[in-house]
Structures are given as C-alpha cells and as structure tokens.
Amino acid sequence: KPIEEEKPKPVEQEQPKPVEEEKPKPVQEEKREPMEEEKPKPV
C-alpha cells in the first residue's frame, strides 16, 4: 500500500506542469503585442 501512494503523485505533477506553462505563454505574448501595436498607430 505505501508503494502505490508514492508513485502516481510526483510523476503526474512533474510533467504536465512545466510543459504547458513554457509553451503557450511566451509564444502568444510575443506575437500579439508587437503586431497589434504597430498597425493601428501609424495608420
């Protein structure tokens, strides 16, 4: 019993966390900011 509670815990919290927070964040903030602020200004 003490072996099934020490495996499915640190394994499911160390994979789907640093992978989903390091991709959809720096990619959507570097394409929507310099593109929407460089068009409606000079026009």
N, C-alpha and C. Protein backbone atom coordinates (compact mmCIF):
# COMPACT_ATOMS: atom_id res chain seq x y z
N LYS A 1 0.83 -1.21 0.00
CA LYS A 1 0.00 0.00 0.00
C LYS A 1 0.87 1.28 0.00
N PRO A 2 1.94 1.30 0.70
CA PRO A 2 2.76 2.52 0.75
C PRO A 2 3.57 2.71 -0.53
N ILE A 3 3.45 1.75 -1.42
CA ILE A 3 4.24 1.87 -2.68
C ILE A 3 3.36 2.47 -3.78
N GLU A 4 2.07 2.32 -3.68
CA GLU A 4 1.16 2.87 -4.73
C GLU A 4 0.85 4.34 -4.45
N GLU A 5 1.23 4.82 -3.30
CA GLU A 5 0.90 6.23 -2.97
C GLU A 5 2.14 7.12 -3.15
N GLU A 6 3.26 6.49 -3.45
CA GLU A 6 4.48 7.30 -3.61
C GLU A 6 4.92 7.33 -5.08
N LYS A 7 4.08 6.85 -5.98
CA LYS A 7 4.48 6.81 -7.40
C LYS A 7 3.57 7.71 -8.28
N PRO A 8 2.29 7.53 -8.22
CA PRO A 8 1.40 8.31 -9.10
C PRO A 8 1.23 9.75 -8.63
N LYS A 9 2.04 10.18 -7.71
CA LYS A 9 1.87 11.55 -7.20
C LYS A 9 2.97 12.49 -7.75
N PRO A 10 4.22 12.15 -7.54
CA PRO A 10 5.30 13.03 -8.02
C PRO A 10 5.56 12.87 -9.51
N VAL A 11 4.90 11.95 -10.11
CA VAL A 11 5.13 11.72 -11.55
C VAL A 11 4.10 12.50 -12.39
N GLU A 12 2.92 12.66 -11.86
CA GLU A 12 1.86 13.38 -12.62
C GLU A 12 1.95 14.89 -12.38
N GLN A 13 2.76 15.28 -11.42
CA GLN A 13 2.84 16.73 -11.12
C GLN A 13 4.16 17.32 -11.64
N GLU A 14 5.00 16.47 -12.18
CA GLU A 14 6.29 16.98 -12.68
C GLU A 14 6.35 16.94 -14.21
N GLN A 15 5.25 16.62 -14.84
CA GLN A 15 5.31 16.54 -16.33
C GLN A 15 4.31 17.51 -16.99
N PRO A 16 3.06 17.43 -16.68
CA PRO A 16 2.07 18.28 -17.36
C PRO A 16 2.07 19.69 -16.81
N LYS A 17 3.06 20.04 -16.02
CA LYS A 17 3.07 21.40 -15.44
C LYS A 17 4.10 22.30 -16.13
N PRO A 18 5.35 21.88 -16.16
CA PRO A 18 6.38 22.73 -16.77
C PRO A 18 6.34 22.68 -18.30
N VAL A 19 5.53 21.84 -18.82
CA VAL A 19 5.47 21.71 -20.30
C VAL A 19 4.34 22.58 -20.86
N GLU A 20 3.28 22.73 -20.12
CA GLU A 20 2.13 23.54 -20.62
C GLU A 20 2.30 25.01 -20.21
N GLU A 21 3.27 25.29 -19.38
CA GLU A 21 3.43 26.70 -18.94
C GLU A 21 4.65 27.33 -19.63
N GLU A 22 5.38 26.54 -20.38
CA GLU A 22 6.58 27.09 -21.04
C GLU A 22 6.38 27.20 -22.55
N LYS A 23 5.18 26.92 -23.03
CA LYS A 23 4.98 26.96 -24.50
C LYS A 23 3.87 27.97 -24.88
N PRO A 24 2.69 27.81 -24.37
CA PRO A 24 1.59 28.69 -24.78
C PRO A 24 1.68 30.06 -24.12
N LYS A 25 2.77 30.35 -23.45
CA LYS A 25 2.86 31.66 -22.76
C LYS A 25 3.78 32.63 -23.52
N PRO A 26 5.02 32.23 -23.76
CA PRO A 26 5.95 33.14 -24.44
C PRO A 26 5.69 33.19 -25.94
N VAL A 27 4.81 32.38 -26.41
CA VAL A 27 4.54 32.36 -27.87
C VAL A 27 3.35 33.27 -28.21
N GLN A 28 2.40 33.37 -27.31
CA GLN A 28 1.19 34.20 -27.57
C GLN A 28 1.43 35.64 -27.10
N GLU A 29 2.49 35.85 -26.35
CA GLU A 29 2.74 37.21 -25.83
C GLU A 29 3.78 37.94 -26.71
N GLU A 30 4.42 37.20 -27.58
CA GLU A 30 5.44 37.84 -28.44
C GLU A 30 4.91 38.06 -29.86
N LYS A 31 3.70 37.61 -30.12
CA LYS A 31 3.17 37.75 -31.49
C LYS A 31 1.94 38.68 -31.46
N ARG A 32 1.30 38.82 -30.34
CA ARG A 32 0.06 39.63 -30.30
C ARG A 32 0.39 41.05 -29.83
N GLU A 33 1.55 41.24 -29.26
CA GLU A 33 1.85 42.59 -28.72
C GLU A 33 2.50 43.50 -29.78
N PRO A 34 3.53 43.04 -30.43
CA PRO A 34 4.22 43.89 -31.41
C PRO A 34 3.47 43.97 -32.74
N MET A 35 2.45 43.19 -32.90
CA MET A 35 1.71 43.19 -34.18
C MET A 35 0.47 44.08 -34.08
N GLU A 36 -0.13 44.11 -32.92
CA GLU A 36 -1.37 44.92 -32.78
C GLU A 36 -1.03 46.36 -32.38
N GLU A 37 0.22 46.60 -32.05
CA GLU A 37 0.59 47.97 -31.62
C GLU A 37 1.38 48.68 -32.72
N GLU A 38 1.67 47.98 -33.78
CA GLU A 38 2.47 48.61 -34.87
C GLU A 38 1.58 48.90 -36.08
N LYS A 39 0.30 48.64 -35.98
CA LYS A 39 -0.56 48.85 -37.17
C LYS A 39 -1.56 50.00 -36.93
N PRO A 40 -2.28 49.94 -35.84
CA PRO A 40 -3.31 50.97 -35.62
C PRO A 40 -2.70 52.29 -35.15
N LYS A 41 -1.40 52.42 -35.19
CA LYS A 41 -0.76 53.67 -34.71
C LYS A 41 -0.34 54.57 -35.89
N PRO A 42 0.45 54.04 -36.78
CA PRO A 42 0.91 54.87 -37.91
C PRO A 42 -0.20 55.09 -38.93
N VAL A 43 -1.25 54.34 -38.84
CA VAL A 43 -2.34 54.45 -39.83
C VAL A 43 -3.40 55.37 -39.25
